[in-house]
Amino acid sequence: MPGLIGYAILFLILALVAYVLGAKGIAGFSMTIAKWLVIIFIILAIIAFLL
């Protein structure tokens, strides 16, 4: 799964695993990265759709 959405899913899974293992700091950081990747993906998708 190349691309932004693939990386967002990867960081989401990493965050869930880190949360289950008790590393809440890493889980929060991974969720932040995943959130920003999804936001960037949506913005780029809208721009590509409009062009």
C-alpha atoms as a PDB file:
ATOM      1  CA  MET A   1       0.000   0.000   0.000  1.00  0.00           C
ATOM      2  CA  PRO A   2       2.186   2.861  -1.164  1.00  0.00           C
ATOM      3  CA  GLY A   3       1.209   6.445  -0.636  1.00  0.00           C
ATOM      4  CA  LEU A   4      -0.161   8.622   2.096  1.00  0.00           C
ATOM      5  CA  ILE A   5      -3.162   6.453   2.931  1.00  0.00           C
ATOM      6  CA  GLY A   6      -0.937   3.392   3.335  1.00  0.00           C
ATOM      7  CA  TYR A   7       1.365   5.242   5.705  1.00  0.00           C
ATOM      8  CA  ALA A   8      -1.618   6.581   7.645  1.00  0.00           C
ATOM      9  CA  ILE A   9      -2.926   3.042   8.117  1.00  0.00           C
ATOM     10  CA  LEU A  10       0.555   1.885   9.155  1.00  0.00           C
ATOM     11  CA  PHE A  11       0.826   4.609  11.806  1.00  0.00           C
ATOM     12  CA  LEU A  12      -2.714   3.875  13.005  1.00  0.00           C
ATOM     13  CA  ILE A  13      -1.834   0.209  13.528  1.00  0.00           C
ATOM     14  CA  LEU A  14       1.417   1.224  15.239  1.00  0.00           C
ATOM     15  CA  ALA A  15      -0.531   3.538  17.549  1.00  0.00           C
ATOM     16  CA  LEU A  16      -3.030   0.805  18.461  1.00  0.00           C
ATOM     17  CA  VAL A  17      -0.258  -1.697  19.216  1.00  0.00           C
ATOM     18  CA  ALA A  18       1.673   0.864  21.267  1.00  0.00           C
ATOM     19  CA  TYR A  19      -1.459   1.746  23.228  1.00  0.00           C
ATOM     20  CA  VAL A  20      -2.194  -1.904  24.013  1.00  0.00           C
ATOM     21  CA  LEU A  21       1.406  -2.398  25.161  1.00  0.00           C
ATOM     22  CA  GLY A  22       1.182   0.645  27.437  1.00  0.00           C
ATOM     23  CA  ALA A  23       3.348   3.130  25.522  1.00  0.00           C
ATOM     24  CA  LYS A  24       0.818   5.944  25.499  1.00  0.00           C
ATOM     25  CA  GLY A  25       3.331   8.617  24.443  1.00  0.00           C
ATOM     26  CA  ILE A  26       4.294   6.732  21.292  1.00  0.00           C
ATOM     27  CA  ALA A  27       0.639   5.908  20.627  1.00  0.00           C
ATOM     28  CA  GLY A  28      -0.339   9.568  20.795  1.00  0.00           C
ATOM     29  CA  PHE A  29       2.522  10.593  18.529  1.00  0.00           C
ATOM     30  CA  SER A  30       1.638   7.888  15.986  1.00  0.00           C
ATOM     31  CA  MET A  31      -2.010   8.938  16.009  1.00  0.00           C
ATOM     32  CA  THR A  32      -0.962  12.541  15.379  1.00  0.00           C
ATOM     33  CA  ILE A  33       1.126  11.477  12.388  1.00  0.00           C
ATOM     34  CA  ALA A  34      -1.702   9.306  11.046  1.00  0.00           C
ATOM     35  CA  LYS A  35      -4.193  12.146  11.454  1.00  0.00           C
ATOM     36  CA  TRP A  36      -1.999  14.600   9.532  1.00  0.00           C
ATOM     37  CA  LEU A  37      -1.343  12.098   6.762  1.00  0.00           C
ATOM     38  CA  VAL A  38      -5.084  11.575   6.301  1.00  0.00           C
ATOM     39  CA  ILE A  39      -5.684  15.344   6.271  1.00  0.00           C
ATOM     40  CA  ILE A  40      -2.950  15.846   3.655  1.00  0.00           C
ATOM     41  CA  PHE A  41      -4.374  12.973   1.595  1.00  0.00           C
ATOM     42  CA  ILE A  42      -7.875  14.480   1.652  1.00  0.00           C
ATOM     43  CA  ILE A  43      -6.573  17.935   0.676  1.00  0.00           C
ATOM     44  CA  LEU A  44      -4.545  16.509  -2.205  1.00  0.00           C
ATOM     45  CA  ALA A  45      -7.490  14.376  -3.340  1.00  0.00           C
ATOM     46  CA  ILE A  46      -9.769  17.423  -3.422  1.00  0.00           C
ATOM     47  CA  ILE A  47      -7.168  19.433  -5.364  1.00  0.00           C
ATOM     48  CA  ALA A  48      -6.712  16.571  -7.852  1.00  0.00           C
ATOM     49  CA  PHE A  49     -10.491  16.257  -8.245  1.00  0.00           C
ATOM     50  CA  LEU A  50     -10.893  19.963  -8.940  1.00  0.00           C
ATOM     51  CA  LEU A  51      -8.099  20.042 -11.520  1.00  0.00           C
END
